[in-house]
Amino acid sequence: MKAYEPFRIKELELKNRIVMPPMCMYSAPGSVPTDFHFLHYGARALGGAGLIIVEATGVVPEGRISDNCLGLWNDDQIGPLSRLVAHVHSLGAKIGIQLNHAGRKCGAAAEKIFAPSAINYSKDGKYQDPVEMTHDEITFVTESFASAAGRALKAGFDVVEIHGAHGYLINQFLSPLSNQRHDGYGVNFEGRSRFLQEVARAVRTAWPSEKPLFLRVSAEDYAEGGMTPSQMARIIDRVIQDIDVVHVSSGGVTPVPPPVFPGYQIPFAEMIKTACDVPTIAVGLITTLEMAEETICNNRADLVALGRELLRNPFFPLIEARKRGIELPWPEQYKRAFS
């Protein structure tokens, strides 16, 4: 089956096409991995996932989604993450980390929160009103992404993923629904895409060219006047020299909920793969191996991310292979259960 074939991108070879996507765990009160993270990510590595991408990790304290999110803004955070990387590697999986700035969706304790424009995400009082970023603040955040990528390299990660989706800061710059600036970072399509381009270039100064750089995007805003898949393809074309894989999601820049159904985001991954000639990860309520296989075999995406299904069943890759008579190496300690 195609889902169990290796996938190579630059120097990275994955043993299969099954990815655990970043999912916030809100379980890092000191913004470093706890025992929970070693158990959580280790179980999925033991269970046979080819690539595990660690949850959204703040590049600055006020870039966290919550006070209990991971961070990578200082060198003291390298050591604990390095131990997590070594743990996952020892269990047979590759590991990446998603770097993020929450922007106006910052739920962590912060004196001020920042956004491209001073527009609150919602009217329910959940978030404080954001401050429109100055050029100096934009430069600072751009450099913070690069510094975090450099720390990720020192920690031994195989992949860095830039979080440009789900209504967080980069996504806020991209969408006309959240970016109403009147300078070089707004006004029109070129202006709104400038911040992402600068972040991608900055990250590449710290993340070696031979190592893959992923980009998570929201291809559709689900609101009038918002981003569409064709517009997102044009944006990706502007960063394609720095990005190796696009992880295609949708929604989040406004409180409008997406129309959710099994595989609802796969067509977005297929469209961007074709339009931009770039490898993609499909994600979004993919719950069966049949869905994953259809997606990969029909060239709709190169990799498939299973989030909730891997939360329910950490051993999904090994168990589904066994059902189909595919021989995979089980953990030595567990072989007796399947002999």
C-alpha atoms as a PDB file:
ATOM      1  CA  MET A   1       0.000   0.000   0.000  1.00  0.00           C
ATOM      2  CA  LYS A   2       1.200   3.481  -0.889  1.00  0.00           C
ATOM      3  CA  ALA A   3       0.629   4.796   2.644  1.00  0.00           C
ATOM      4  CA  TYR A   4       3.400   2.482   3.853  1.00  0.00           C
ATOM      5  CA  GLU A   5       5.927   3.410   1.188  1.00  0.00           C
ATOM      6  CA  PRO A   6       8.848   5.668   2.171  1.00  0.00           C
ATOM      7  CA  PHE A   7       8.809   9.346   1.299  1.00  0.00           C
ATOM      8  CA  ARG A   8      11.971  11.374   0.773  1.00  0.00           C
ATOM      9  CA  ILE A   9      12.292  15.151   0.803  1.00  0.00           C
ATOM     10  CA  LYS A  10      15.828  16.566   0.707  1.00  0.00           C
ATOM     11  CA  GLU A  11      17.912  14.730   3.332  1.00  0.00           C
ATOM     12  CA  LEU A  12      14.851  13.433   5.197  1.00  0.00           C
ATOM     13  CA  GLU A  13      13.441   9.971   4.522  1.00  0.00           C
ATOM     14  CA  LEU A  14      10.207   8.964   6.226  1.00  0.00           C
ATOM     15  CA  LYS A  15       9.464   5.272   6.609  1.00  0.00           C
ATOM     16  CA  ASN A  16       5.815   5.819   5.627  1.00  0.00           C
ATOM     17  CA  ARG A  17       3.375   8.568   4.586  1.00  0.00           C
ATOM     18  CA  ILE A  18       1.496   8.778   7.908  1.00  0.00           C
ATOM     19  CA  VAL A  19       1.988  12.022   9.838  1.00  0.00           C
ATOM     20  CA  MET A  20       0.913  13.058  13.306  1.00  0.00           C
ATOM     21  CA  PRO A  21       0.017  16.750  12.867  1.00  0.00           C
ATOM     22  CA  PRO A  22       0.586  19.426  15.519  1.00  0.00           C
ATOM     23  CA  MET A  23      -2.228  19.434  18.066  1.00  0.00           C
ATOM     24  CA  CYS A  24      -2.146  21.791  21.031  1.00  0.00           C
ATOM     25  CA  MET A  25      -1.960  19.875  24.291  1.00  0.00           C
ATOM     26  CA  TYR A  26      -1.920  22.863  26.689  1.00  0.00           C
ATOM     27  CA  SER A  27       0.227  20.775  29.028  1.00  0.00           C
ATOM     28  CA  ALA A  28       3.475  22.751  29.307  1.00  0.00           C
ATOM     29  CA  PRO A  29       3.065  25.154  32.262  1.00  0.00           C
ATOM     30  CA  GLY A  30       6.748  26.125  32.035  1.00  0.00           C
ATOM     31  CA  SER A  31       6.641  26.210  28.199  1.00  0.00           C
ATOM     32  CA  VAL A  32       8.972  23.176  28.076  1.00  0.00           C
ATOM     33  CA  PRO A  33       8.089  19.502  27.561  1.00  0.00           C
ATOM     34  CA  THR A  34       6.818  17.608  30.602  1.00  0.00           C
ATOM     35  CA  ASP A  35       6.556  13.875  31.266  1.00  0.00           C
ATOM     36  CA  PHE A  36       3.249  14.036  29.415  1.00  0.00           C
ATOM     37  CA  HIS A  37       4.961  15.066  26.174  1.00  0.00           C
ATOM     38  CA  PHE A  38       7.404  12.189  26.325  1.00  0.00           C
ATOM     39  CA  LEU A  39       4.517   9.760  26.790  1.00  0.00           C
ATOM     40  CA  HIS A  40       2.260  11.474  24.247  1.00  0.00           C
ATOM     41  CA  TYR A  41       4.728  11.752  21.369  1.00  0.00           C
ATOM     42  CA  GLY A  42       6.607   8.590  22.296  1.00  0.00           C
ATOM     43  CA  ALA A  43       3.440   6.497  22.062  1.00  0.00           C
ATOM     44  CA  ARG A  44       2.794   7.637  18.479  1.00  0.00           C
ATOM     45  CA  ALA A  45       6.420   6.982  17.516  1.00  0.00           C
ATOM     46  CA  LEU A  46       6.160   3.507  19.033  1.00  0.00           C
ATOM     47  CA  GLY A  47       2.862   3.053  17.197  1.00  0.00           C
ATOM     48  CA  GLY A  48       4.427   3.461  13.764  1.00  0.00           C
ATOM     49  CA  ALA A  49       3.841   7.048  12.567  1.00  0.00           C
ATOM     50  CA  GLY A  50       6.479   8.117  10.043  1.00  0.00           C
ATOM     51  CA  LEU A  51       6.611  11.778  11.100  1.00  0.00           C
ATOM     52  CA  ILE A  52       5.482  13.486  14.294  1.00  0.00           C
ATOM     53  CA  ILE A  53       5.128  17.277  14.305  1.00  0.00           C
ATOM     54  CA  VAL A  54       5.211  18.818  17.767  1.00  0.00           C
ATOM     55  CA  GLU A  55       2.401  21.191  18.713  1.00  0.00           C
ATOM     56  CA  ALA A  56       2.441  24.952  18.022  1.00  0.00           C
ATOM     57  CA  THR A  57       5.449  26.395  19.833  1.00  0.00           C
ATOM     58  CA  GLY A  58       5.692  30.118  20.576  1.00  0.00           C
ATOM     59  CA  VAL A  59       8.621  32.070  19.164  1.00  0.00           C
ATOM     60  CA  VAL A  60       8.045  34.735  21.847  1.00  0.00           C
ATOM     61  CA  PRO A  61       6.108  34.518  25.149  1.00  0.00           C
ATOM     62  CA  GLU A  62       3.259  36.672  23.824  1.00  0.00           C
ATOM     63  CA  GLY A  63       3.169  34.430  20.751  1.00  0.00           C
ATOM     64  CA  ARG A  64       1.807  31.464  22.692  1.00  0.00           C
ATOM     65  CA  ILE A  65      -1.789  30.371  22.263  1.00  0.00           C
ATOM     66  CA  SER A  66      -1.983  29.776  26.031  1.00  0.00           C
ATOM     67  CA  ASP A  67       0.229  29.929  29.106  1.00  0.00           C
ATOM     68  CA  ASN A  68       0.541  26.145  28.885  1.00  0.00           C
ATOM     69  CA  CYS A  69       1.976  26.033  25.360  1.00  0.00           C
ATOM     70  CA  LEU A  70       5.554  25.147  24.458  1.00  0.00           C
ATOM     71  CA  GLY A  71       8.065  27.879  23.645  1.00  0.00           C
ATOM     72  CA  LEU A  72      11.407  28.209  21.884  1.00  0.00           C
ATOM     73  CA  TRP A  73      12.428  31.818  22.525  1.00  0.00           C
ATOM     74  CA  ASN A  74      15.478  31.160  24.682  1.00  0.00           C
ATOM     75  CA  ASP A  75      18.379  28.730  24.799  1.00  0.00           C
ATOM     76  CA  ASP A  76      17.217  27.144  28.062  1.00  0.00           C
ATOM     77  CA  GLN A  77      14.354  25.574  26.116  1.00  0.00           C
ATOM     78  CA  ILE A  78      16.705  23.710  23.747  1.00  0.00           C
ATOM     79  CA  GLY A  79      17.769  21.001  26.210  1.00  0.00           C
ATOM     80  CA  PRO A  80      14.306  19.679  27.143  1.00  0.00           C
ATOM     81  CA  LEU A  81      13.240  19.646  23.478  1.00  0.00           C
ATOM     82  CA  SER A  82      16.493  17.925  22.512  1.00  0.00           C
ATOM     83  CA  ARG A  83      15.661  15.115  24.937  1.00  0.00           C
ATOM     84  CA  LEU A  84      12.189  14.808  23.400  1.00  0.00           C
ATOM     85  CA  VAL A  85      13.737  14.586  19.912  1.00  0.00           C
ATOM     86  CA  ALA A  86      16.142  11.860  21.037  1.00  0.00           C
ATOM     87  CA  HIS A  87      13.264   9.965  22.669  1.00  0.00           C
ATOM     88  CA  VAL A  88      11.133   9.994  19.504  1.00  0.00           C
ATOM     89  CA  HIS A  89      14.123   9.053  17.321  1.00  0.00           C
ATOM     90  CA  SER A  90      14.889   6.112  19.607  1.00  0.00           C
ATOM     91  CA  LEU A  91      11.366   4.812  18.992  1.00  0.00           C
ATOM     92  CA  GLY A  92      11.711   4.893  15.202  1.00  0.00           C
ATOM     93  CA  ALA A  93      10.012   8.099  14.034  1.00  0.00           C
ATOM     94  CA  LYS A  94      11.176  11.403  12.607  1.00  0.00           C
ATOM     95  CA  ILE A  95      10.121  14.579  14.383  1.00  0.00           C
ATOM     96  CA  GLY A  96       9.378  18.186  13.457  1.00  0.00           C
ATOM     97  CA  ILE A  97       8.288  21.258  15.373  1.00  0.00           C
ATOM     98  CA  GLN A  98       5.711  23.886  14.429  1.00  0.00           C
ATOM     99  CA  LEU A  99       6.810  27.465  15.130  1.00  0.00           C
ATOM    100  CA  ASN A 100       4.038  29.929  15.792  1.00  0.00           C
ATOM    101  CA  HIS A 101       3.008  33.406  16.865  1.00  0.00           C
ATOM    102  CA  ALA A 102      -0.635  33.599  17.925  1.00  0.00           C
ATOM    103  CA  GLY A 103      -1.053  37.315  17.207  1.00  0.00           C
ATOM    104  CA  ARG A 104      -4.498  38.527  18.215  1.00  0.00           C
ATOM    105  CA  LYS A 105      -5.398  34.962  19.302  1.00  0.00           C
ATOM    106  CA  CYS A 106      -2.831  35.015  22.098  1.00  0.00           C
ATOM    107  CA  GLY A 107      -4.453  33.589  25.213  1.00  0.00           C
ATOM    108  CA  ALA A 108      -1.299  33.696  27.332  1.00  0.00           C
ATOM    109  CA  ALA A 109      -0.751  36.292  30.016  1.00  0.00           C
ATOM    110  CA  ALA A 110       0.660  39.312  28.182  1.00  0.00           C
ATOM    111  CA  GLU A 111       0.785  43.041  28.791  1.00  0.00           C
ATOM    112  CA  LYS A 112      -0.070  43.604  25.125  1.00  0.00           C
ATOM    113  CA  ILE A 113      -0.993  41.324  22.262  1.00  0.00           C
ATOM    114  CA  PHE A 114      -0.192  42.146  18.651  1.00  0.00           C
ATOM    115  CA  ALA A 115      -1.813  41.886  15.244  1.00  0.00           C
ATOM    116  CA  PRO A 116      -1.435  43.382  11.760  1.00  0.00           C
ATOM    117  CA  SER A 117      -4.431  45.607  12.547  1.00  0.00           C
ATOM    118  CA  ALA A 118      -6.066  46.582  15.828  1.00  0.00           C
ATOM    119  CA  ILE A 119      -9.102  44.346  15.259  1.00  0.00           C
ATOM    120  CA  ASN A 120     -10.250  41.936  17.970  1.00  0.00           C
ATOM    121  CA  TYR A 121     -10.753  38.326  16.876  1.00  0.00           C
ATOM    122  CA  SER A 122     -14.160  38.061  18.520  1.00  0.00           C
ATOM    123  CA  LYS A 123     -16.706  40.100  20.405  1.00  0.00           C
ATOM    124  CA  ASP A 124     -17.118  37.729  23.348  1.00  0.00           C
ATOM    125  CA  GLY A 125     -14.305  39.214  25.440  1.00  0.00           C
ATOM    126  CA  LYS A 126     -12.145  36.100  25.230  1.00  0.00           C
ATOM    127  CA  TYR A 127      -9.179  38.052  23.853  1.00  0.00           C
ATOM    128  CA  GLN A 128      -7.887  41.496  24.721  1.00  0.00           C
ATOM    129  CA  ASP A 129      -7.818  44.125  21.999  1.00  0.00           C
ATOM    130  CA  PRO A 130      -4.627  43.784  19.940  1.00  0.00           C
ATOM    131  CA  VAL A 131      -2.146  46.535  19.133  1.00  0.00           C
ATOM    132  CA  GLU A 132      -1.315  47.170  15.480  1.00  0.00           C
ATOM    133  CA  MET A 133       2.310  46.161  14.968  1.00  0.00           C
ATOM    134  CA  THR A 134       4.933  48.719  14.062  1.00  0.00           C
ATOM    135  CA  HIS A 135       7.621  47.944  11.497  1.00  0.00           C
ATOM    136  CA  ASP A 136      10.117  47.417  14.326  1.00  0.00           C
ATOM    137  CA  GLU A 137       7.780  44.926  15.988  1.00  0.00           C
ATOM    138  CA  ILE A 138       7.284  43.087  12.701  1.00  0.00           C
ATOM    139  CA  THR A 139      11.065  42.874  12.285  1.00  0.00           C
ATOM    140  CA  PHE A 140      11.444  41.596  15.860  1.00  0.00           C
ATOM    141  CA  VAL A 141       8.920  38.799  15.315  1.00  0.00           C
ATOM    142  CA  THR A 142      10.493  37.874  11.977  1.00  0.00           C
ATOM    143  CA  GLU A 143      13.867  37.557  13.666  1.00  0.00           C
ATOM    144  CA  SER A 144      12.253  35.565  16.487  1.00  0.00           C
ATOM    145  CA  PHE A 145      11.043  32.957  13.995  1.00  0.00           C
ATOM    146  CA  ALA A 146      14.596  32.669  12.661  1.00  0.00           C
ATOM    147  CA  SER A 147      16.106  32.403  16.144  1.00  0.00           C
ATOM    148  CA  ALA A 148      13.597  29.704  17.114  1.00  0.00           C
ATOM    149  CA  ALA A 149      14.452  27.766  13.948  1.00  0.00           C
ATOM    150  CA  GLY A 150      18.128  27.937  14.901  1.00  0.00           C
ATOM    151  CA  ARG A 151      17.291  26.515  18.320  1.00  0.00           C
ATOM    152  CA  ALA A 152      15.198  23.782  16.687  1.00  0.00           C
ATOM    153  CA  LEU A 153      18.272  22.852  14.659  1.00  0.00           C
ATOM    154  CA  LYS A 154      20.392  22.625  17.818  1.00  0.00           C
ATOM    155  CA  ALA A 155      17.697  20.460  19.426  1.00  0.00           C
ATOM    156  CA  GLY A 156      17.977  18.000  16.524  1.00  0.00           C
ATOM    157  CA  PHE A 157      14.581  18.334  14.865  1.00  0.00           C
ATOM    158  CA  ASP A 158      14.241  16.858  11.375  1.00  0.00           C
ATOM    159  CA  VAL A 159      11.649  19.402  10.185  1.00  0.00           C
ATOM    160  CA  VAL A 160      10.575  22.945  11.017  1.00  0.00           C
ATOM    161  CA  GLU A 161       7.009  23.913  10.131  1.00  0.00           C
ATOM    162  CA  ILE A 162       6.035  27.593   9.955  1.00  0.00           C
ATOM    163  CA  HIS A 163       2.484  28.027  11.223  1.00  0.00           C
ATOM    164  CA  GLY A 164       0.705  30.224   8.697  1.00  0.00           C
ATOM    165  CA  ALA A 165      -2.785  28.869   9.359  1.00  0.00           C
ATOM    166  CA  HIS A 166      -5.724  28.782  11.774  1.00  0.00           C
ATOM    167  CA  GLY A 167      -6.004  32.521  12.248  1.00  0.00           C
ATOM    168  CA  TYR A 168      -2.661  33.058  13.962  1.00  0.00           C
ATOM    169  CA  LEU A 169      -0.324  35.946  13.215  1.00  0.00           C
ATOM    170  CA  ILE A 170       0.974  34.989   9.772  1.00  0.00           C
ATOM    171  CA  ASN A 171      -2.538  34.028   8.686  1.00  0.00           C
ATOM    172  CA  GLN A 172      -3.788  37.352  10.075  1.00  0.00           C
ATOM    173  CA  PHE A 173      -1.383  39.209   7.788  1.00  0.00           C
ATOM    174  CA  LEU A 174      -2.456  37.140   4.772  1.00  0.00           C
ATOM    175  CA  SER A 175      -6.204  37.596   5.099  1.00  0.00           C
ATOM    176  CA  PRO A 176      -7.938  40.869   4.159  1.00  0.00           C
ATOM    177  CA  LEU A 177     -10.445  40.098   6.917  1.00  0.00           C
ATOM    178  CA  SER A 178      -7.803  40.693   9.592  1.00  0.00           C
ATOM    179  CA  ASN A 179      -5.245  42.863   7.771  1.00  0.00           C
ATOM    180  CA  GLN A 180      -6.457  46.390   7.046  1.00  0.00           C
ATOM    181  CA  ARG A 181      -3.071  48.102   7.139  1.00  0.00           C
ATOM    182  CA  HIS A 182      -2.247  51.026   4.848  1.00  0.00           C
ATOM    183  CA  ASP A 183       1.490  50.440   4.509  1.00  0.00           C
ATOM    184  CA  GLY A 184       3.779  47.933   2.785  1.00  0.00           C
ATOM    185  CA  TYR A 185       2.370  45.075   4.860  1.00  0.00           C
ATOM    186  CA  GLY A 186      -1.209  45.578   3.769  1.00  0.00           C
ATOM    187  CA  VAL A 187      -3.307  47.479   1.213  1.00  0.00           C
ATOM    188  CA  ASN A 188      -3.169  44.761  -1.454  1.00  0.00           C
ATOM    189  CA  PHE A 189      -2.283  41.143  -2.124  1.00  0.00           C
ATOM    190  CA  GLU A 190       1.451  41.836  -2.388  1.00  0.00           C
ATOM    191  CA  GLY A 191       1.502  43.756   0.872  1.00  0.00           C
ATOM    192  CA  ARG A 192      -0.438  41.126   2.801  1.00  0.00           C
ATOM    193  CA  SER A 193       1.923  38.355   1.658  1.00  0.00           C
ATOM    194  CA  ARG A 194       5.088  40.300   2.532  1.00  0.00           C
ATOM    195  CA  PHE A 195       5.314  39.201   6.194  1.00  0.00           C
ATOM    196  CA  LEU A 196       5.176  35.496   5.301  1.00  0.00           C
ATOM    197  CA  GLN A 197       7.854  35.988   2.653  1.00  0.00           C
ATOM    198  CA  GLU A 198      10.118  37.733   5.149  1.00  0.00           C
ATOM    199  CA  VAL A 199       9.544  35.055   7.814  1.00  0.00           C
ATOM    200  CA  ALA A 200      10.285  32.232   5.365  1.00  0.00           C
ATOM    201  CA  ARG A 201      13.494  33.912   4.173  1.00  0.00           C
ATOM    202  CA  ALA A 202      14.580  34.624   7.754  1.00  0.00           C
ATOM    203  CA  VAL A 203      13.938  31.050   8.877  1.00  0.00           C
ATOM    204  CA  ARG A 204      16.021  29.801   5.959  1.00  0.00           C
ATOM    205  CA  THR A 205      19.008  31.776   7.257  1.00  0.00           C
ATOM    206  CA  ALA A 206      18.946  29.595  10.390  1.00  0.00           C
ATOM    207  CA  TRP A 207      17.522  26.349   8.978  1.00  0.00           C
ATOM    208  CA  PRO A 208      19.902  24.609   6.519  1.00  0.00           C
ATOM    209  CA  SER A 209      18.950  24.306   2.863  1.00  0.00           C
ATOM    210  CA  GLU A 210      19.369  20.530   2.976  1.00  0.00           C
ATOM    211  CA  LYS A 211      16.713  20.187   5.697  1.00  0.00           C
ATOM    212  CA  PRO A 212      13.016  20.406   4.776  1.00  0.00           C
ATOM    213  CA  LEU A 213      10.944  23.420   5.749  1.00  0.00           C
ATOM    214  CA  PHE A 214       7.166  22.967   5.926  1.00  0.00           C
ATOM    215  CA  LEU A 215       4.457  25.633   5.802  1.00  0.00           C
ATOM    216  CA  ARG A 216       0.991  25.186   7.328  1.00  0.00           C
ATOM    217  CA  VAL A 217      -1.676  27.259   5.586  1.00  0.00           C
ATOM    218  CA  SER A 218      -5.404  27.880   5.781  1.00  0.00           C
ATOM    219  CA  ALA A 219      -6.545  27.707   2.182  1.00  0.00           C
ATOM    220  CA  GLU A 220     -10.071  28.987   2.815  1.00  0.00           C
ATOM    221  CA  ASP A 221     -11.471  31.560   5.261  1.00  0.00           C
ATOM    222  CA  TYR A 222     -15.141  30.530   4.807  1.00  0.00           C
ATOM    223  CA  ALA A 223     -16.181  34.178   4.918  1.00  0.00           C
ATOM    224  CA  GLU A 224     -17.003  36.722   2.233  1.00  0.00           C
ATOM    225  CA  GLY A 225     -13.957  38.740   1.235  1.00  0.00           C
ATOM    226  CA  GLY A 226     -11.563  36.244   2.821  1.00  0.00           C
ATOM    227  CA  MET A 227      -8.837  33.987   1.470  1.00  0.00           C
ATOM    228  CA  THR A 228      -9.619  31.373  -1.163  1.00  0.00           C
ATOM    229  CA  PRO A 229      -7.561  28.372  -2.352  1.00  0.00           C
ATOM    230  CA  SER A 230      -6.585  30.121  -5.591  1.00  0.00           C
ATOM    231  CA  GLN A 231      -5.348  33.164  -3.662  1.00  0.00           C
ATOM    232  CA  MET A 232      -3.409  30.904  -1.289  1.00  0.00           C
ATOM    233  CA  ALA A 233      -1.752  29.220  -4.269  1.00  0.00           C
ATOM    234  CA  ARG A 234      -0.522  32.633  -5.454  1.00  0.00           C
ATOM    235  CA  ILE A 235       0.928  33.283  -1.993  1.00  0.00           C
ATOM    236  CA  ILE A 236       2.687  29.916  -1.895  1.00  0.00           C
ATOM    237  CA  ASP A 237       4.228  30.667  -5.295  1.00  0.00           C
ATOM    238  CA  ARG A 238       5.954  33.633  -3.632  1.00  0.00           C
ATOM    239  CA  VAL A 239       7.661  31.492  -0.969  1.00  0.00           C
ATOM    240  CA  ILE A 240       8.198  28.296  -2.942  1.00  0.00           C
ATOM    241  CA  GLN A 241      11.949  28.910  -3.151  1.00  0.00           C
ATOM    242  CA  ASP A 242      12.128  28.463   0.640  1.00  0.00           C
ATOM    243  CA  ILE A 243       9.327  25.957   1.335  1.00  0.00           C
ATOM    244  CA  ASP A 244       9.531  22.215   0.622  1.00  0.00           C
ATOM    245  CA  VAL A 245       6.131  20.892   1.780  1.00  0.00           C
ATOM    246  CA  VAL A 246       2.777  22.633   2.313  1.00  0.00           C
ATOM    247  CA  HIS A 247       0.494  21.331   5.060  1.00  0.00           C
ATOM    248  CA  VAL A 248      -2.980  22.367   3.927  1.00  0.00           C
ATOM    249  CA  SER A 249      -5.698  23.256   6.396  1.00  0.00           C
ATOM    250  CA  SER A 250      -8.486  25.851   6.457  1.00  0.00           C
ATOM    251  CA  GLY A 251     -10.385  28.329   8.611  1.00  0.00           C
ATOM    252  CA  GLY A 252      -9.549  30.063  11.862  1.00  0.00           C
ATOM    253  CA  VAL A 253      -9.018  33.709  10.913  1.00  0.00           C
ATOM    254  CA  THR A 254     -12.593  34.528  11.983  1.00  0.00           C
ATOM    255  CA  PRO A 255     -14.952  32.705  14.375  1.00  0.00           C
ATOM    256  CA  VAL A 256     -16.889  31.326  11.370  1.00  0.00           C
ATOM    257  CA  PRO A 257     -16.823  27.502  11.760  1.00  0.00           C
ATOM    258  CA  PRO A 258     -15.831  25.445   8.713  1.00  0.00           C
ATOM    259  CA  PRO A 259     -18.293  22.960   7.204  1.00  0.00           C
ATOM    260  CA  VAL A 260     -16.708  19.835   8.673  1.00  0.00           C
ATOM    261  CA  PHE A 261     -17.073  16.350   7.163  1.00  0.00           C
ATOM    262  CA  PRO A 262     -14.668  13.427   6.604  1.00  0.00           C
ATOM    263  CA  GLY A 263     -11.761  14.530   4.422  1.00  0.00           C
ATOM    264  CA  TYR A 264     -13.169  18.043   4.000  1.00  0.00           C
ATOM    265  CA  GLN A 265      -9.752  19.648   3.419  1.00  0.00           C
ATOM    266  CA  ILE A 266      -8.312  17.068   1.001  1.00  0.00           C
ATOM    267  CA  PRO A 267      -9.460  19.007  -2.104  1.00  0.00           C
ATOM    268  CA  PHE A 268      -7.494  22.043  -0.885  1.00  0.00           C
ATOM    269  CA  ALA A 269      -4.310  19.956  -0.600  1.00  0.00           C
ATOM    270  CA  GLU A 270      -4.909  18.563  -4.077  1.00  0.00           C
ATOM    271  CA  MET A 271      -5.480  22.003  -5.605  1.00  0.00           C
ATOM    272  CA  ILE A 272      -2.334  23.485  -4.055  1.00  0.00           C
ATOM    273  CA  LYS A 273      -0.237  20.453  -4.957  1.00  0.00           C
ATOM    274  CA  THR A 274      -1.281  20.820  -8.594  1.00  0.00           C
ATOM    275  CA  ALA A 275      -1.222  24.617  -8.835  1.00  0.00           C
ATOM    276  CA  CYS A 276       2.120  25.102  -7.068  1.00  0.00           C
ATOM    277  CA  ASP A 277       3.842  21.842  -8.026  1.00  0.00           C
ATOM    278  CA  VAL A 278       4.774  21.248  -4.393  1.00  0.00           C
ATOM    279  CA  PRO A 279       4.405  18.212  -2.116  1.00  0.00           C
ATOM    280  CA  THR A 280       1.453  18.565   0.252  1.00  0.00           C
ATOM    281  CA  ILE A 281       0.094  17.060   3.447  1.00  0.00           C
ATOM    282  CA  ALA A 282      -3.659  16.466   3.527  1.00  0.00           C
ATOM    283  CA  VAL A 283      -5.341  16.795   6.920  1.00  0.00           C
ATOM    284  CA  GLY A 284      -8.835  17.074   8.334  1.00  0.00           C
ATOM    285  CA  LEU A 285     -11.016  14.229   9.681  1.00  0.00           C
ATOM    286  CA  ILE A 286      -9.089  11.529   7.833  1.00  0.00           C
ATOM    287  CA  THR A 287      -9.978   8.526   9.951  1.00  0.00           C
ATOM    288  CA  THR A 288      -9.372   5.372   7.901  1.00  0.00           C
ATOM    289  CA  LEU A 289      -6.488   3.855   6.006  1.00  0.00           C
ATOM    290  CA  GLU A 290      -8.758   3.681   2.959  1.00  0.00           C
ATOM    291  CA  MET A 291      -9.135   7.476   2.978  1.00  0.00           C
ATOM    292  CA  ALA A 292      -5.392   7.901   3.334  1.00  0.00           C
ATOM    293  CA  GLU A 293      -4.674   5.429   0.540  1.00  0.00           C
ATOM    294  CA  GLU A 294      -7.179   7.033  -1.835  1.00  0.00           C
ATOM    295  CA  THR A 295      -5.651  10.455  -1.201  1.00  0.00           C
ATOM    296  CA  ILE A 296      -2.071   9.332  -1.830  1.00  0.00           C
ATOM    297  CA  CYS A 297      -2.721   6.914  -4.720  1.00  0.00           C
ATOM    298  CA  ASN A 298      -4.803   9.487  -6.606  1.00  0.00           C
ATOM    299  CA  ASN A 299      -1.972  12.005  -6.203  1.00  0.00           C
ATOM    300  CA  ARG A 300      -4.139  14.346  -4.172  1.00  0.00           C
ATOM    301  CA  ALA A 301      -1.402  14.707  -1.547  1.00  0.00           C
ATOM    302  CA  ASP A 302       1.964  13.138  -0.761  1.00  0.00           C
ATOM    303  CA  LEU A 303       1.485  12.665   2.967  1.00  0.00           C
ATOM    304  CA  VAL A 304      -1.602  12.241   5.133  1.00  0.00           C
ATOM    305  CA  ALA A 305      -1.981  13.609   8.653  1.00  0.00           C
ATOM    306  CA  LEU A 306      -4.247  11.853  11.126  1.00  0.00           C
ATOM    307  CA  GLY A 307      -4.894  13.930  14.221  1.00  0.00           C
ATOM    308  CA  ARG A 308      -7.898  12.763  16.191  1.00  0.00           C
ATOM    309  CA  GLU A 309      -7.484   9.194  14.969  1.00  0.00           C
ATOM    310  CA  LEU A 310      -3.966   9.025  16.382  1.00  0.00           C
ATOM    311  CA  LEU A 311      -5.246  10.495  19.645  1.00  0.00           C
ATOM    312  CA  ARG A 312      -7.759   7.663  19.817  1.00  0.00           C
ATOM    313  CA  ASN A 313      -5.383   4.978  18.603  1.00  0.00           C
ATOM    314  CA  PRO A 314      -1.626   5.596  18.865  1.00  0.00           C
ATOM    315  CA  PHE A 315      -0.984   2.232  17.176  1.00  0.00           C
ATOM    316  CA  PHE A 316      -3.145   2.972  14.126  1.00  0.00           C
ATOM    317  CA  PRO A 317      -0.302   2.517  11.558  1.00  0.00           C
ATOM    318  CA  LEU A 318       0.792  -0.865  12.927  1.00  0.00           C
ATOM    319  CA  ILE A 319      -2.696  -2.235  13.584  1.00  0.00           C
ATOM    320  CA  GLU A 320      -4.038  -1.246  10.148  1.00  0.00           C
ATOM    321  CA  ALA A 321      -0.989  -2.810   8.475  1.00  0.00           C
ATOM    322  CA  ARG A 322      -1.479  -6.057  10.395  1.00  0.00           C
ATOM    323  CA  LYS A 323      -5.158  -6.240   9.330  1.00  0.00           C
ATOM    324  CA  ARG A 324      -3.972  -6.238   5.721  1.00  0.00           C
ATOM    325  CA  GLY A 325      -1.131  -8.691   6.101  1.00  0.00           C
ATOM    326  CA  ILE A 326       1.561  -6.030   5.747  1.00  0.00           C
ATOM    327  CA  GLU A 327       4.641  -7.037   7.706  1.00  0.00           C
ATOM    328  CA  LEU A 328       6.007  -4.189   9.809  1.00  0.00           C
ATOM    329  CA  PRO A 329       8.416  -4.411  12.731  1.00  0.00           C
ATOM    330  CA  TRP A 330       6.463  -4.339  15.979  1.00  0.00           C
ATOM    331  CA  PRO A 331       8.137  -3.093  19.146  1.00  0.00           C
ATOM    332  CA  GLU A 332      10.026  -6.054  20.567  1.00  0.00           C
ATOM    333  CA  GLN A 333       8.282  -5.687  23.915  1.00  0.00           C
ATOM    334  CA  TYR A 334       4.831  -6.043  22.297  1.00  0.00           C
ATOM    335  CA  LYS A 335       5.414  -8.827  19.775  1.00  0.00           C
ATOM    336  CA  ARG A 336       3.904 -11.514  22.001  1.00  0.00           C
ATOM    337  CA  ALA A 337       0.497  -9.859  21.669  1.00  0.00           C
ATOM    338  CA  PHE A 338       0.528 -10.399  17.903  1.00  0.00           C
ATOM    339  CA  SER A 339       2.348 -13.699  17.437  1.00  0.00           C
END
